[in-house]
N, C-alpha and C. Protein backbone atom coordinates (compact mmCIF):
# COMPACT_ATOMS: atom_id res chain seq x y z
N MET A 1 -5.01 112.03 103.26
CA MET A 1 -6.11 111.15 102.92
C MET A 1 -7.11 111.94 102.08
N LYS A 2 -7.72 111.28 101.12
CA LYS A 2 -8.66 111.95 100.23
C LYS A 2 -9.88 112.45 101.01
N LYS A 3 -10.45 113.53 100.51
CA LYS A 3 -11.63 114.11 101.15
C LYS A 3 -12.80 114.02 100.19
N GLY A 4 -13.80 113.25 100.55
CA GLY A 4 -15.02 113.13 99.77
C GLY A 4 -16.20 113.24 100.70
N PHE A 5 -17.35 112.89 100.20
CA PHE A 5 -18.57 112.94 100.97
C PHE A 5 -18.68 111.68 101.83
N VAL A 6 -18.80 111.84 103.13
CA VAL A 6 -18.91 110.71 104.07
C VAL A 6 -20.36 110.52 104.45
N VAL A 7 -20.82 109.26 104.39
CA VAL A 7 -22.19 108.94 104.80
C VAL A 7 -22.14 107.92 105.93
N VAL A 8 -23.15 107.98 106.78
CA VAL A 8 -23.31 106.98 107.83
C VAL A 8 -24.05 105.81 107.20
N VAL A 9 -23.37 104.67 107.08
CA VAL A 9 -23.95 103.49 106.44
C VAL A 9 -24.86 102.75 107.40
N SER A 10 -24.40 102.60 108.65
CA SER A 10 -25.23 101.88 109.62
C SER A 10 -24.90 102.32 111.04
N VAL A 11 -25.93 102.23 111.86
CA VAL A 11 -25.83 102.41 113.31
C VAL A 11 -26.59 101.24 113.90
N GLU A 12 -25.85 100.29 114.49
CA GLU A 12 -26.46 99.05 114.99
C GLU A 12 -26.20 98.90 116.48
N ASP A 13 -27.04 98.11 117.11
CA ASP A 13 -26.89 97.83 118.54
C ASP A 13 -25.51 97.24 118.81
N GLY A 14 -24.82 97.82 119.78
CA GLY A 14 -23.48 97.36 120.13
C GLY A 14 -23.41 96.69 121.48
N GLY A 15 -24.56 96.51 122.12
CA GLY A 15 -24.57 95.87 123.42
C GLY A 15 -24.52 96.88 124.55
N TYR A 16 -24.21 96.39 125.72
CA TYR A 16 -24.20 97.21 126.93
C TYR A 16 -22.77 97.37 127.40
N TYR A 17 -22.41 98.58 127.81
CA TYR A 17 -21.08 98.87 128.31
C TYR A 17 -21.19 99.35 129.76
N ALA A 18 -20.29 98.87 130.60
CA ALA A 18 -20.27 99.35 131.99
C ALA A 18 -18.85 99.27 132.52
N ASP A 19 -18.42 100.34 133.14
CA ASP A 19 -17.21 100.32 133.95
C ASP A 19 -17.58 100.99 135.27
N GLY A 20 -16.65 101.32 136.08
CA GLY A 20 -16.98 101.88 137.38
C GLY A 20 -17.68 103.23 137.35
N ASN A 21 -17.52 103.99 136.25
CA ASN A 21 -18.04 105.35 136.20
C ASN A 21 -19.16 105.57 135.19
N VAL A 22 -19.16 104.79 134.12
CA VAL A 22 -20.07 105.02 133.01
C VAL A 22 -20.71 103.71 132.60
N SER A 23 -21.99 103.77 132.22
CA SER A 23 -22.65 102.57 131.70
C SER A 23 -23.77 103.00 130.77
N GLY A 24 -24.14 102.09 129.88
CA GLY A 24 -25.25 102.36 128.99
C GLY A 24 -25.19 101.52 127.74
N SER A 25 -26.21 101.64 126.92
CA SER A 25 -26.27 100.93 125.65
C SER A 25 -25.31 101.58 124.67
N THR A 26 -24.70 100.76 123.83
CA THR A 26 -23.75 101.27 122.85
C THR A 26 -24.23 100.96 121.44
N VAL A 27 -23.59 101.59 120.46
CA VAL A 27 -23.86 101.33 119.06
C VAL A 27 -22.54 101.09 118.32
N ASN A 28 -22.65 100.33 117.24
CA ASN A 28 -21.54 100.14 116.31
C ASN A 28 -21.88 100.95 115.07
N VAL A 29 -20.96 101.82 114.64
CA VAL A 29 -21.22 102.74 113.54
C VAL A 29 -20.27 102.46 112.39
N THR A 30 -20.80 102.46 111.17
CA THR A 30 -19.99 102.30 109.96
C THR A 30 -20.18 103.53 109.09
N LEU A 31 -19.05 104.10 108.64
CA LEU A 31 -19.04 105.26 107.76
C LEU A 31 -18.48 104.83 106.41
N GLN A 32 -18.90 105.53 105.35
CA GLN A 32 -18.39 105.25 104.01
C GLN A 32 -17.99 106.54 103.32
N ARG A 33 -16.82 106.50 102.66
CA ARG A 33 -16.39 107.59 101.79
C ARG A 33 -15.97 106.93 100.47
N ASP A 34 -16.70 107.22 99.43
CA ASP A 34 -16.48 106.58 98.13
C ASP A 34 -16.54 105.07 98.31
N SER A 35 -15.48 104.33 97.99
CA SER A 35 -15.51 102.87 98.15
C SER A 35 -14.83 102.41 99.43
N ASP A 36 -14.47 103.35 100.30
CA ASP A 36 -13.79 103.03 101.56
C ASP A 36 -14.77 103.04 102.73
N PHE A 37 -14.49 102.17 103.72
CA PHE A 37 -15.33 102.07 104.91
C PHE A 37 -14.48 102.17 106.16
N ALA A 38 -15.06 102.74 107.21
CA ALA A 38 -14.43 102.76 108.53
C ALA A 38 -15.52 102.54 109.56
N SER A 39 -15.20 101.77 110.60
CA SER A 39 -16.21 101.52 111.63
C SER A 39 -15.59 101.58 113.02
N CYS A 40 -16.47 101.85 113.97
CA CYS A 40 -16.09 101.90 115.37
C CYS A 40 -17.17 101.18 116.16
N ASP A 41 -16.75 100.28 117.04
CA ASP A 41 -17.68 99.50 117.85
C ASP A 41 -17.82 100.07 119.25
N GLN A 42 -18.98 99.87 119.81
CA GLN A 42 -19.32 100.22 121.18
C GLN A 42 -19.15 101.70 121.51
N ILE A 43 -19.79 102.53 120.69
CA ILE A 43 -19.83 103.96 120.95
C ILE A 43 -20.96 104.22 121.95
N LEU A 44 -20.63 104.85 123.04
CA LEU A 44 -21.61 105.07 124.10
C LEU A 44 -22.55 106.24 123.76
N PHE A 45 -22.01 107.30 123.18
CA PHE A 45 -22.83 108.47 122.84
C PHE A 45 -22.64 108.78 121.36
N TRP A 46 -23.70 108.61 120.55
CA TRP A 46 -23.62 108.89 119.11
C TRP A 46 -24.72 109.84 118.72
N GLU A 47 -24.37 110.84 117.95
CA GLU A 47 -25.37 111.73 117.38
C GLU A 47 -24.90 112.14 116.00
N GLU A 48 -25.85 112.42 115.13
CA GLU A 48 -25.51 112.86 113.79
C GLU A 48 -24.68 114.14 113.89
N THR A 49 -23.82 114.34 112.92
CA THR A 49 -22.90 115.46 112.98
C THR A 49 -22.70 116.05 111.59
N SER A 50 -21.95 117.13 111.49
CA SER A 50 -21.74 117.81 110.21
C SER A 50 -20.82 117.01 109.30
N GLN A 51 -20.86 117.35 108.02
CA GLN A 51 -20.02 116.67 107.04
C GLN A 51 -18.53 116.84 107.36
N GLU A 52 -18.15 118.01 107.78
CA GLU A 52 -16.74 118.25 108.14
C GLU A 52 -16.32 117.35 109.31
N GLU A 53 -17.18 117.24 110.31
CA GLU A 53 -16.87 116.38 111.46
C GLU A 53 -16.85 114.91 111.05
N LEU A 54 -17.76 114.50 110.14
CA LEU A 54 -17.75 113.12 109.66
C LEU A 54 -16.46 112.82 108.89
N ASN A 55 -15.99 113.77 108.09
CA ASN A 55 -14.73 113.60 107.38
C ASN A 55 -13.58 113.41 108.36
N ASP A 56 -13.51 114.25 109.37
CA ASP A 56 -12.46 114.14 110.38
C ASP A 56 -12.57 112.82 111.13
N MET A 57 -13.79 112.42 111.48
CA MET A 57 -14.03 111.17 112.20
C MET A 57 -13.59 109.99 111.35
N PHE A 58 -13.94 110.01 110.07
CA PHE A 58 -13.57 108.93 109.16
C PHE A 58 -12.04 108.78 109.14
N ASP A 59 -11.33 109.89 108.95
CA ASP A 59 -9.87 109.85 108.93
C ASP A 59 -9.29 109.32 110.23
N GLU A 60 -9.85 109.75 111.35
CA GLU A 60 -9.38 109.29 112.66
C GLU A 60 -9.61 107.79 112.82
N TRP A 61 -10.79 107.31 112.45
CA TRP A 61 -11.10 105.88 112.59
C TRP A 61 -10.19 105.03 111.71
N VAL A 62 -9.90 105.50 110.50
CA VAL A 62 -8.97 104.78 109.62
C VAL A 62 -7.59 104.72 110.27
N ASP A 63 -7.10 105.85 110.77
CA ASP A 63 -5.79 105.88 111.43
C ASP A 63 -5.74 104.92 112.61
N LEU A 64 -6.80 104.88 113.41
CA LEU A 64 -6.84 103.98 114.56
C LEU A 64 -6.90 102.52 114.13
N ALA A 65 -7.65 102.23 113.07
CA ALA A 65 -7.72 100.85 112.55
C ALA A 65 -6.37 100.41 112.01
N VAL A 66 -5.71 101.26 111.25
CA VAL A 66 -4.40 100.95 110.69
C VAL A 66 -3.39 100.73 111.83
N GLY A 67 -3.54 101.48 112.91
CA GLY A 67 -2.66 101.35 114.07
C GLY A 67 -2.99 100.15 114.95
N GLY A 68 -4.05 99.42 114.63
CA GLY A 68 -4.41 98.22 115.39
C GLY A 68 -5.19 98.46 116.65
N GLU A 69 -5.81 99.62 116.77
CA GLU A 69 -6.59 99.95 117.97
C GLU A 69 -7.84 99.08 118.04
N GLU A 70 -8.09 98.50 119.19
CA GLU A 70 -9.25 97.63 119.39
C GLU A 70 -10.54 98.39 119.17
N GLY A 71 -11.48 97.76 118.46
CA GLY A 71 -12.80 98.34 118.24
C GLY A 71 -12.92 99.12 116.95
N TYR A 72 -11.82 99.29 116.21
CA TYR A 72 -11.84 100.05 114.95
C TYR A 72 -11.49 99.14 113.79
N SER A 73 -12.15 99.34 112.67
CA SER A 73 -11.79 98.59 111.46
C SER A 73 -11.98 99.51 110.27
N ALA A 74 -11.27 99.16 109.19
CA ALA A 74 -11.36 99.95 107.96
C ALA A 74 -11.09 99.06 106.77
N MET A 75 -11.76 99.37 105.67
CA MET A 75 -11.52 98.71 104.40
C MET A 75 -11.22 99.83 103.41
N ILE A 76 -9.95 99.88 102.97
CA ILE A 76 -9.47 101.00 102.17
C ILE A 76 -8.92 100.49 100.84
N THR A 77 -9.32 101.14 99.75
CA THR A 77 -8.79 100.82 98.43
C THR A 77 -7.62 101.75 98.15
N GLU A 78 -6.47 101.14 97.91
CA GLU A 78 -5.26 101.89 97.59
C GLU A 78 -4.79 101.43 96.22
N GLY A 79 -4.97 102.27 95.21
CA GLY A 79 -4.67 101.87 93.85
C GLY A 79 -5.65 100.80 93.41
N MET A 80 -5.13 99.64 93.03
CA MET A 80 -5.96 98.52 92.59
C MET A 80 -6.13 97.49 93.70
N GLU A 81 -5.65 97.78 94.90
CA GLU A 81 -5.67 96.82 96.01
C GLU A 81 -6.57 97.32 97.14
N THR A 82 -7.38 96.41 97.67
CA THR A 82 -8.22 96.73 98.81
C THR A 82 -7.60 96.09 100.05
N LYS A 83 -7.41 96.90 101.10
CA LYS A 83 -6.80 96.42 102.33
C LYS A 83 -7.80 96.51 103.46
N MET A 84 -7.80 95.49 104.32
CA MET A 84 -8.68 95.44 105.49
C MET A 84 -7.83 95.57 106.72
N TYR A 85 -8.23 96.47 107.60
CA TYR A 85 -7.54 96.69 108.87
C TYR A 85 -8.55 96.47 110.00
N SER A 86 -8.22 95.64 110.95
CA SER A 86 -9.09 95.46 112.11
C SER A 86 -8.31 94.78 113.21
N GLN A 87 -8.82 94.91 114.41
CA GLN A 87 -8.22 94.28 115.59
C GLN A 87 -9.09 93.15 116.04
């Protein structure tokens, strides 16, 4: 996957999460690299991170979205075609 500069486009309220062990407010985060986007919903713990970590996170979120993992989505331009992946 190409490596460019990744920026955090948005961090929005994702609601409240609770299971038997963990609970708290969550956020939905969207990242952008060039014209590509990747997002993850209901992140319980989010903090700004280094560019290298954002690059790795972006790649991981795209892989999870392409694999159909719930809570992940990606919009990727491949050649002249833009593909949307989400569950």
